Amino acid sequence: MTGALFLAAPYQPVSDPRERLLAYIDFRRELIQGPAREFTCLLGTLVQETFQTHPELREACRAGIENHALTLAATIEQARARHAPNAAWTAESLALHLQCVLQGAFVLAKASNDASAALDSIQHLRRYIEFLLPVQPPKE
């Protein structure tokens, strides 16, 4: 279900990779509506509850979260090449970091029973990406 949601998401056709990544973050923020059970990640919740007792579930959750993160790697690499070509970080590590922040935002929303905690976190994530991938002045 989520694979189709993200494949058809409004950020997909954005041509500039930096703007596409920011649009992805905006899309994730827009998905936060209603009670936490409606917008949080099943895999993130499941792995928190079963990581020690069910290694097969832990592995399936890891794979699902990681696979989704890596769908962003090409976009991130294109944005890094254009906006931060000398950056020491990798596209894969930033893609996983995005998922860490999103999963953490969901935990905060659940813990506080307040979606605004997640919304604030995701807004900080957006600012972080803007900082990592600064807009380059046009070449003369």
Protein backbone atom coordinates (compact mmCIF):
# COMPACT_ATOMS: atom_id res chain seq x y z
CA MET A 1 0.00 0.00 0.00
CA THR A 2 2.67 2.55 0.93
CA GLY A 3 4.80 1.69 -2.09
CA ALA A 4 2.01 2.76 -4.43
CA LEU A 5 1.34 5.85 -2.32
CA PHE A 6 4.92 7.03 -2.63
CA LEU A 7 5.23 6.12 -6.32
CA ALA A 8 2.24 8.34 -7.10
CA ALA A 9 3.21 11.10 -4.65
CA PRO A 10 3.36 14.72 -5.83
CA TYR A 11 7.11 15.00 -5.21
CA GLN A 12 7.94 12.36 -7.84
CA PRO A 13 7.75 14.57 -10.98
CA VAL A 14 9.69 17.50 -9.47
CA SER A 15 12.68 17.91 -11.79
CA ASP A 16 15.24 19.56 -9.50
CA PRO A 17 16.58 16.88 -7.11
CA ARG A 18 16.94 19.26 -4.15
CA GLU A 19 13.40 20.48 -4.58
CA ARG A 20 12.18 16.88 -5.06
CA LEU A 21 13.77 15.87 -1.76
CA LEU A 22 12.23 18.86 0.00
CA ALA A 23 8.88 18.02 -1.60
CA TYR A 24 9.24 14.47 -0.25
CA ILE A 25 9.67 15.89 3.25
CA ASP A 26 6.68 18.18 2.71
CA PHE A 27 4.65 15.19 1.55
CA ARG A 28 5.59 13.23 4.67
CA ARG A 29 4.48 16.21 6.75
CA GLU A 30 1.17 16.42 4.88
CA LEU A 31 0.49 12.75 5.67
CA ILE A 32 0.36 13.57 9.38
CA GLN A 33 -3.35 13.88 9.95
CA GLY A 34 -5.69 12.31 12.44
CA PRO A 35 -4.69 10.02 15.27
CA ALA A 36 -1.14 8.63 15.38
CA ARG A 37 -2.27 5.17 14.27
CA GLU A 38 -3.31 6.75 10.96
CA PHE A 39 0.06 8.29 10.06
CA THR A 40 2.77 6.37 11.88
CA CYS A 41 4.75 3.55 10.35
CA LEU A 42 3.68 -0.01 11.01
CA LEU A 43 7.23 -1.29 10.51
CA GLY A 44 8.65 1.23 12.96
CA THR A 45 6.06 0.33 15.56
CA LEU A 46 6.45 -3.39 15.02
CA VAL A 47 10.23 -3.40 15.28
CA GLN A 48 10.12 -1.39 18.51
CA GLU A 49 7.91 -4.06 20.06
CA THR A 50 9.51 -7.22 18.67
CA PHE A 51 13.19 -6.57 17.92
CA GLN A 52 14.47 -8.81 20.73
CA THR A 53 11.91 -11.57 20.63
CA HIS A 54 11.29 -12.01 16.90
CA PRO A 55 14.47 -11.68 14.81
CA GLU A 56 12.60 -12.54 11.60
CA LEU A 57 10.21 -9.63 12.14
CA ARG A 58 13.12 -7.38 13.05
CA GLU A 59 14.83 -8.24 9.76
CA ALA A 60 11.65 -7.72 7.75
CA CYS A 61 11.10 -4.32 9.38
CA ARG A 62 14.74 -3.33 8.78
CA ALA A 63 14.48 -4.32 5.15
CA GLY A 64 11.22 -2.43 4.65
CA ILE A 65 12.44 0.75 6.30
CA GLU A 66 15.82 0.58 4.57
CA ASN A 67 14.30 -0.18 1.16
CA HIS A 68 12.02 2.83 1.43
CA ALA A 69 14.95 5.01 2.51
CA LEU A 70 17.00 3.87 -0.45
CA THR A 71 14.27 4.93 -2.88
CA LEU A 72 15.54 8.44 -2.08
CA ALA A 73 19.24 7.72 -2.61
CA ALA A 74 19.37 8.62 -6.32
CA THR A 75 17.56 11.91 -5.71
CA ILE A 76 19.85 12.70 -2.79
CA GLU A 77 22.96 11.87 -4.81
CA GLN A 78 21.81 14.12 -7.67
CA ALA A 79 21.12 16.92 -5.19
CA ARG A 80 24.46 16.37 -3.44
CA ALA A 81 26.33 16.50 -6.76
CA ARG A 82 24.61 19.75 -7.71
CA HIS A 83 24.40 21.56 -4.37
CA ALA A 84 27.11 20.06 -2.12
CA PRO A 85 29.63 18.33 -4.38
CA ASN A 86 32.36 18.29 -1.72
CA ALA A 87 30.17 16.88 1.04
CA ALA A 88 31.68 13.98 2.96
CA TRP A 89 28.35 12.24 3.61
CA THR A 90 26.77 9.69 1.30
CA ALA A 91 23.33 9.66 -0.23
CA GLU A 92 22.59 6.34 1.44
CA SER A 93 23.53 7.62 4.90
CA LEU A 94 21.36 10.71 4.49
CA ALA A 95 18.45 8.60 3.20
CA LEU A 96 18.67 6.44 6.33
CA HIS A 97 18.96 9.54 8.51
CA LEU A 98 15.73 10.88 7.01
CA GLN A 99 13.99 7.69 8.05
CA CYS A 100 15.51 7.88 11.55
CA VAL A 101 14.09 11.36 12.01
CA LEU A 102 10.69 10.37 10.64
CA GLN A 103 10.48 7.28 12.83
CA GLY A 104 11.57 9.32 15.85
CA ALA A 105 8.96 11.94 15.02
CA PHE A 106 6.31 9.23 15.03
CA VAL A 107 7.50 8.00 18.44
CA LEU A 108 7.27 11.54 19.82
CA ALA A 109 3.76 11.94 18.43
CA LYS A 110 2.69 8.68 20.06
CA ALA A 111 4.41 9.47 23.37
CA SER A 112 2.82 12.90 23.62
CA ASN A 113 -0.43 11.89 21.92
CA ASP A 114 0.05 15.00 19.83
CA ALA A 115 0.85 15.12 16.12
CA SER A 116 2.44 18.56 16.49
CA ALA A 117 5.55 16.88 17.92
CA ALA A 118 5.99 15.02 14.63
CA LEU A 119 5.18 18.08 12.56
CA ASP A 120 7.82 20.13 14.39
CA SER A 121 10.44 17.42 13.92
CA ILE A 122 9.75 17.15 10.22
CA GLN A 123 9.98 20.93 9.83
CA HIS A 124 13.41 20.80 11.51
CA LEU A 125 14.38 18.01 9.11
CA ARG A 126 13.42 20.22 6.18
CA ARG A 127 15.60 23.05 7.48
CA TYR A 128 18.47 20.60 7.96
CA ILE A 129 18.23 19.45 4.34
CA GLU A 130 18.12 23.07 3.16
CA PHE A 131 21.34 23.65 5.13
CA LEU A 132 23.05 20.50 3.77
CA LEU A 133 22.06 21.31 0.20
CA PRO A 134 22.38 25.07 -0.14
CA VAL A 135 21.05 26.75 -3.24
CA GLN A 136 24.01 27.53 -5.45
CA PRO A 137 24.21 30.93 -7.11
CA PRO A 138 23.90 30.79 -10.91
CA LYS A 139 27.20 30.48 -12.77
CA GLU A 140 28.11 33.52 -14.79
